[in-house]
């Protein structure tokens, strides 16, 4: 019995839309397909093989997506990237040194600090 293998080699890019003529046309086409108003302000777009399939306004969080394509994962990635940008601009990014201290490292529960322990291998 043989099974057919499916391999997807699509190129996906998330990028800032600069709102030049090409980007503005692509965003207008996408908003028209989704029956929504065009996005305003800084916009992040998700392109698959050079075709814009979803976009999010950084300021408002409004999303437009191609209703004829599977875009739920793209929308989730755009929302995550927007949250990262907002955290960075708000200065709420935590650093490891602030959480654990400059010289300390997190240890495995029950292990003495600063000691390397060897766990027995279970076969």
N, C-alpha and C. Protein backbone atom coordinates (compact mmCIF):
# COMPACT_ATOMS: atom_id res chain seq x y z
N UNK A 1 0.85 -1.17 0.00
CA UNK A 1 0.00 0.00 0.00
C UNK A 1 0.90 1.24 0.00
N UNK A 2 0.61 2.18 -0.86
CA UNK A 2 1.38 3.41 -0.92
C UNK A 2 0.50 4.58 -0.51
N UNK A 3 1.14 5.57 0.05
CA UNK A 3 0.43 6.80 0.42
C UNK A 3 1.03 7.95 -0.35
N UNK A 4 0.20 8.87 -0.71
CA UNK A 4 0.68 10.03 -1.45
C UNK A 4 1.17 11.08 -0.45
N UNK A 5 2.37 11.56 -0.64
CA UNK A 5 2.94 12.57 0.24
C UNK A 5 2.69 13.95 -0.36
N UNK A 6 2.31 14.87 0.50
CA UNK A 6 2.09 16.24 0.06
C UNK A 6 3.16 17.11 0.68
N UNK A 7 3.82 17.88 -0.14
CA UNK A 7 4.85 18.77 0.34
C UNK A 7 4.50 20.18 -0.08
N UNK A 8 4.47 21.09 0.89
CA UNK A 8 4.17 22.47 0.61
C UNK A 8 5.43 23.29 0.79
N UNK A 9 5.82 23.99 -0.25
CA UNK A 9 7.01 24.82 -0.21
C UNK A 9 6.65 26.28 -0.45
N UNK A 10 5.56 26.72 0.11
CA UNK A 10 5.13 28.10 -0.09
C UNK A 10 6.03 29.04 0.71
N UNK A 11 6.32 30.18 0.13
CA UNK A 11 7.11 31.20 0.80
C UNK A 11 6.16 32.19 1.44
N UNK A 12 6.26 32.37 2.77
CA UNK A 12 5.39 33.27 3.49
C UNK A 12 6.24 34.39 4.09
N UNK A 13 5.76 35.62 3.93
CA UNK A 13 6.48 36.79 4.43
C UNK A 13 5.52 37.68 5.19
N UNK A 14 5.95 38.15 6.36
CA UNK A 14 5.22 39.18 7.07
C UNK A 14 6.08 40.43 6.99
N UNK A 15 5.50 41.49 6.45
CA UNK A 15 6.29 42.71 6.27
C UNK A 15 5.43 43.95 6.48
N UNK A 16 6.13 45.04 6.73
CA UNK A 16 5.47 46.34 6.87
C UNK A 16 5.09 46.82 5.48
N UNK A 17 3.84 47.20 5.33
CA UNK A 17 3.37 47.71 4.05
C UNK A 17 3.70 49.19 4.00
N UNK A 18 4.51 49.61 3.03
CA UNK A 18 4.98 50.99 2.95
C UNK A 18 3.98 51.93 2.31
N UNK A 19 2.88 51.40 1.85
CA UNK A 19 1.83 52.19 1.22
C UNK A 19 2.31 52.95 0.00
N UNK A 20 3.21 52.33 -0.77
CA UNK A 20 3.50 52.87 -2.08
C UNK A 20 2.35 52.47 -3.00
N UNK A 21 2.45 52.77 -4.26
CA UNK A 21 1.33 52.49 -5.17
C UNK A 21 0.97 51.00 -5.22
N UNK A 22 1.98 50.16 -5.28
CA UNK A 22 1.72 48.71 -5.34
C UNK A 22 1.07 48.19 -4.07
N UNK A 23 1.59 48.61 -2.91
CA UNK A 23 1.01 48.18 -1.63
C UNK A 23 -0.40 48.73 -1.46
N UNK A 24 -0.62 49.99 -1.84
CA UNK A 24 -1.94 50.59 -1.69
C UNK A 24 -2.97 49.86 -2.55
N UNK A 25 -2.59 49.48 -3.77
CA UNK A 25 -3.51 48.72 -4.63
C UNK A 25 -3.80 47.34 -4.04
N UNK A 26 -2.78 46.67 -3.54
CA UNK A 26 -2.97 45.34 -2.96
C UNK A 26 -3.86 45.41 -1.71
N UNK A 27 -3.65 46.42 -0.86
CA UNK A 27 -4.49 46.58 0.32
C UNK A 27 -5.93 46.93 -0.04
N UNK A 28 -6.11 47.78 -1.05
CA UNK A 28 -7.46 48.14 -1.50
C UNK A 28 -8.18 46.92 -2.06
N UNK A 29 -7.47 46.09 -2.83
CA UNK A 29 -8.06 44.86 -3.39
C UNK A 29 -8.46 43.91 -2.28
N UNK A 30 -7.58 43.77 -1.28
CA UNK A 30 -7.86 42.87 -0.16
C UNK A 30 -9.06 43.35 0.66
N UNK A 31 -9.13 44.65 0.92
CA UNK A 31 -10.26 45.21 1.68
C UNK A 31 -11.56 45.03 0.91
N UNK A 32 -11.52 45.20 -0.41
CA UNK A 32 -12.72 45.02 -1.22
C UNK A 32 -13.17 43.56 -1.22
N UNK A 33 -12.22 42.62 -1.29
CA UNK A 33 -12.57 41.20 -1.24
C UNK A 33 -13.22 40.84 0.09
N UNK A 34 -12.73 41.47 1.17
CA UNK A 34 -13.24 41.16 2.51
C UNK A 34 -14.45 42.02 2.88
N UNK A 35 -14.87 42.91 1.98
CA UNK A 35 -16.01 43.82 2.21
C UNK A 35 -15.81 44.65 3.47
N UNK A 36 -14.62 45.17 3.64
CA UNK A 36 -14.29 46.02 4.78
C UNK A 36 -13.65 47.31 4.31
N UNK A 37 -13.59 48.26 5.24
CA UNK A 37 -12.94 49.54 4.94
C UNK A 37 -11.43 49.31 4.84
N UNK A 38 -10.78 50.17 4.07
CA UNK A 38 -9.34 50.06 3.91
C UNK A 38 -8.65 50.41 5.23
N UNK A 39 -7.56 49.71 5.53
CA UNK A 39 -6.82 49.93 6.77
C UNK A 39 -6.07 51.25 6.72
N UNK A 40 -5.96 51.89 7.88
CA UNK A 40 -5.27 53.17 7.97
C UNK A 40 -4.07 53.06 8.90
N UNK A 41 -3.10 53.93 8.68
CA UNK A 41 -1.91 53.96 9.53
C UNK A 41 -0.92 52.89 9.13
N UNK A 42 0.04 52.61 10.01
CA UNK A 42 1.01 51.54 9.73
C UNK A 42 0.30 50.19 9.61
N UNK A 43 0.67 49.43 8.60
CA UNK A 43 0.01 48.16 8.31
C UNK A 43 1.07 47.07 8.15
N UNK A 44 0.79 45.89 8.72
CA UNK A 44 1.61 44.69 8.49
C UNK A 44 0.84 43.79 7.54
N UNK A 45 1.53 43.23 6.58
CA UNK A 45 0.88 42.34 5.62
C UNK A 45 1.51 40.97 5.62
N UNK A 46 0.69 39.96 5.38
CA UNK A 46 1.18 38.59 5.24
C UNK A 46 1.02 38.18 3.78
N UNK A 47 2.14 37.88 3.16
CA UNK A 47 2.15 37.49 1.75
C UNK A 47 2.56 36.03 1.63
N UNK A 48 1.90 35.31 0.77
CA UNK A 48 2.28 33.94 0.45
C UNK A 48 2.60 33.91 -1.03
N UNK A 49 3.84 33.55 -1.33
CA UNK A 49 4.36 33.52 -2.70
C UNK A 49 4.10 34.84 -3.41
N UNK A 50 4.33 35.97 -2.69
CA UNK A 50 4.20 37.28 -3.27
C UNK A 50 2.79 37.84 -3.36
N UNK A 51 1.80 37.09 -2.91
CA UNK A 51 0.40 37.53 -2.98
C UNK A 51 -0.08 37.89 -1.58
N UNK A 52 -0.57 39.11 -1.41
CA UNK A 52 -1.06 39.59 -0.11
C UNK A 52 -2.37 38.88 0.22
N UNK A 53 -2.38 38.13 1.35
CA UNK A 53 -3.56 37.39 1.75
C UNK A 53 -4.21 37.93 3.02
N UNK A 54 -3.46 38.64 3.85
CA UNK A 54 -4.02 39.19 5.08
C UNK A 54 -3.19 40.40 5.50
N UNK A 55 -3.86 41.32 6.21
CA UNK A 55 -3.16 42.52 6.68
C UNK A 55 -3.81 42.98 7.98
N UNK A 56 -3.02 43.66 8.82
CA UNK A 56 -3.51 44.16 10.10
C UNK A 56 -3.00 45.59 10.29
N UNK A 57 -3.88 46.45 10.81
CA UNK A 57 -3.48 47.81 11.16
C UNK A 57 -2.82 47.75 12.53
N UNK A 58 -1.60 48.26 12.63
CA UNK A 58 -0.86 48.18 13.89
C UNK A 58 -1.56 48.96 15.00
N UNK A 59 -2.08 50.14 14.68
CA UNK A 59 -2.69 50.99 15.71
C UNK A 59 -4.02 50.44 16.22
N UNK A 60 -4.90 50.03 15.32
CA UNK A 60 -6.25 49.62 15.73
C UNK A 60 -6.44 48.12 15.88
N UNK A 61 -5.63 47.33 15.22
CA UNK A 61 -5.79 45.88 15.27
C UNK A 61 -6.81 45.35 14.29
N UNK A 62 -7.35 46.23 13.41
CA UNK A 62 -8.30 45.78 12.39
C UNK A 62 -7.59 44.88 11.39
N UNK A 63 -8.28 43.80 10.99
CA UNK A 63 -7.70 42.82 10.09
C UNK A 63 -8.56 42.70 8.84
N UNK A 64 -7.93 42.62 7.69
CA UNK A 64 -8.60 42.25 6.45
C UNK A 64 -7.88 41.03 5.90
N UNK A 65 -8.67 40.11 5.32
CA UNK A 65 -8.08 38.88 4.80
C UNK A 65 -8.86 38.41 3.59
N UNK A 66 -8.20 37.66 2.76
CA UNK A 66 -8.81 37.10 1.56
C UNK A 66 -9.81 36.02 1.99
N UNK A 67 -11.12 36.21 1.74
CA UNK A 67 -12.10 35.22 2.17
C UNK A 67 -12.07 33.94 1.34
N UNK A 68 -11.34 33.93 0.24
CA UNK A 68 -11.29 32.76 -0.63
C UNK A 68 -10.04 31.92 -0.39
N UNK A 69 -9.27 32.27 0.64
CA UNK A 69 -8.06 31.52 0.99
C UNK A 69 -8.12 31.17 2.47
N UNK A 70 -7.35 30.16 2.84
CA UNK A 70 -7.25 29.79 4.26
C UNK A 70 -6.28 30.75 4.93
N UNK A 71 -6.82 31.64 5.76
CA UNK A 71 -5.99 32.69 6.33
C UNK A 71 -6.02 32.73 7.86
N UNK A 72 -6.62 31.76 8.51
CA UNK A 72 -6.71 31.83 9.97
C UNK A 72 -5.33 31.84 10.63
N UNK A 73 -4.38 31.05 10.09
CA UNK A 73 -3.03 31.04 10.65
C UNK A 73 -2.31 32.35 10.38
N UNK A 74 -2.53 32.91 9.21
CA UNK A 74 -1.90 34.19 8.88
C UNK A 74 -2.42 35.30 9.78
N UNK A 75 -3.72 35.31 10.03
CA UNK A 75 -4.29 36.32 10.93
C UNK A 75 -3.73 36.17 12.33
N UNK A 76 -3.58 34.94 12.80
CA UNK A 76 -3.01 34.71 14.13
C UNK A 76 -1.56 35.20 14.20
N UNK A 77 -0.77 34.94 13.16
CA UNK A 77 0.61 35.41 13.13
C UNK A 77 0.69 36.93 13.11
N UNK A 78 -0.20 37.57 12.35
CA UNK A 78 -0.21 39.03 12.30
C UNK A 78 -0.58 39.62 13.66
N UNK A 79 -1.54 39.01 14.34
CA UNK A 79 -1.93 39.51 15.67
C UNK A 79 -0.78 39.35 16.66
N UNK A 80 -0.08 38.23 16.58
CA UNK A 80 1.07 38.01 17.46
C UNK A 80 2.17 39.03 17.17
N UNK A 81 2.46 39.27 15.91
CA UNK A 81 3.51 40.24 15.56
C UNK A 81 3.12 41.64 15.99
N UNK A 82 1.84 42.00 15.86
CA UNK A 82 1.37 43.31 16.31
C UNK A 82 1.56 43.46 17.81
N UNK A 83 1.25 42.41 18.56
CA UNK A 83 1.44 42.45 20.02
C UNK A 83 2.91 42.63 20.37
N UNK A 84 3.81 41.96 19.63
CA UNK A 84 5.24 42.12 19.88
C UNK A 84 5.69 43.55 19.62
N UNK A 85 5.20 44.14 18.56
CA UNK A 85 5.57 45.52 18.23
C UNK A 85 5.06 46.47 19.30
N UNK A 86 3.83 46.25 19.78
CA UNK A 86 3.28 47.12 20.81
C UNK A 86 4.03 46.98 22.13
N UNK A 87 4.43 45.75 22.48
CA UNK A 87 5.22 45.55 23.70
C UNK A 87 6.55 46.26 23.61
N UNK A 88 7.20 46.16 22.46
CA UNK A 88 8.51 46.78 22.29
C UNK A 88 8.38 48.31 22.37
N UNK A 89 7.34 48.86 21.76
CA UNK A 89 7.19 50.31 21.78
C UNK A 89 6.77 50.81 23.16
N UNK A 90 6.09 49.97 23.94
CA UNK A 90 5.68 50.37 25.29
C UNK A 90 6.79 50.16 26.30
N UNK A 91 7.85 49.45 25.93
CA UNK A 91 8.97 49.21 26.85
C UNK A 91 8.67 48.17 27.90
N UNK A 92 7.73 47.27 27.64
CA UNK A 92 7.38 46.25 28.63
C UNK A 92 8.12 44.94 28.40
N UNK A 93 9.08 44.95 27.52
CA UNK A 93 9.84 43.74 27.25
C UNK A 93 10.72 43.41 28.45
N UNK A 94 10.57 42.24 28.99
CA UNK A 94 11.37 41.84 30.14
C UNK A 94 12.63 41.16 29.68
N UNK A 95 13.64 41.36 30.44
CA UNK A 95 14.90 40.69 30.14
C UNK A 95 15.14 39.61 31.17
N UNK A 96 15.88 38.62 30.76
CA UNK A 96 16.14 37.49 31.65
C UNK A 96 16.86 37.94 32.91
N UNK A 97 17.78 38.89 32.78
CA UNK A 97 18.54 39.33 33.95
C UNK A 97 17.63 39.97 34.99
N UNK A 98 16.56 40.58 34.58
CA UNK A 98 15.64 41.18 35.54
C UNK A 98 14.80 40.12 36.24
N UNK A 99 14.53 39.04 35.57
CA UNK A 99 13.70 38.00 36.16
C UNK A 99 14.51 37.13 37.11
N UNK A 100 15.69 36.66 36.67
CA UNK A 100 16.46 35.72 37.46
C UNK A 100 17.66 36.34 38.16
N UNK A 101 17.97 37.57 37.91
CA UNK A 101 19.18 38.17 38.45
C UNK A 101 20.30 38.03 37.44
N UNK A 102 21.33 38.81 37.59
CA UNK A 102 22.38 38.83 36.57
C UNK A 102 23.21 37.56 36.51
N UNK A 103 23.54 36.97 37.65
CA UNK A 103 24.45 35.83 37.62
C UNK A 103 23.76 34.50 37.87
N UNK A 104 22.49 34.51 38.20
CA UNK A 104 21.83 33.24 38.50
C UNK A 104 21.20 32.64 37.26
N UNK A 105 21.03 31.35 37.29
CA UNK A 105 20.37 30.61 36.22
C UNK A 105 19.27 29.78 36.83
N UNK A 106 18.19 29.59 36.11
CA UNK A 106 17.14 28.72 36.64
C UNK A 106 17.66 27.30 36.77
N UNK A 107 17.27 26.61 37.82
CA UNK A 107 17.74 25.24 38.06
C UNK A 107 16.57 24.27 37.98
N UNK A 108 16.89 23.03 37.73
CA UNK A 108 15.88 21.98 37.74
C UNK A 108 15.37 21.86 39.17
N UNK A 109 14.06 21.71 39.30
CA UNK A 109 13.47 21.62 40.64
C UNK A 109 14.15 20.56 41.51
N UNK A 110 14.59 20.95 42.70
CA UNK A 110 15.22 20.02 43.62
C UNK A 110 16.72 19.93 43.49
N UNK A 111 17.30 20.52 42.45
CA UNK A 111 18.75 20.45 42.31
C UNK A 111 19.39 21.60 43.06
N UNK A 112 20.54 21.36 43.67
CA UNK A 112 21.23 22.43 44.38
C UNK A 112 21.72 23.49 43.41
N UNK A 113 21.63 24.73 43.79
CA UNK A 113 22.06 25.83 42.94
C UNK A 113 23.54 25.71 42.63
N UNK A 114 23.91 25.86 41.37
CA UNK A 114 25.31 25.86 40.98
C UNK A 114 25.93 24.49 40.81
N UNK A 115 25.22 23.40 41.09
CA UNK A 115 25.78 22.07 40.94
C UNK A 115 25.16 21.37 39.74
N UNK A 116 25.97 20.58 39.07
CA UNK A 116 25.49 19.79 37.95
C UNK A 116 25.15 18.41 38.49
N UNK A 117 23.95 17.98 38.19
CA UNK A 117 23.55 16.65 38.65
C UNK A 117 23.37 15.75 37.44
N UNK A 118 23.58 14.48 37.63
CA UNK A 118 23.40 13.50 36.58
C UNK A 118 22.19 12.66 36.91
N UNK A 119 21.30 12.58 35.98
CA UNK A 119 20.09 11.77 36.18
C UNK A 119 20.33 10.39 35.57
N UNK A 120 19.84 9.34 36.24
CA UNK A 120 20.03 8.00 35.69
C UNK A 120 19.19 7.82 34.42
N UNK A 121 19.77 7.11 33.46
CA UNK A 121 19.06 6.83 32.21
C UNK A 121 18.12 5.66 32.41
N UNK A 122 16.88 5.86 31.99
CA UNK A 122 15.87 4.81 32.10
C UNK A 122 15.73 4.14 30.75
N UNK A 123 15.87 2.80 30.75
CA UNK A 123 15.77 2.05 29.48
C UNK A 123 14.42 1.47 29.29
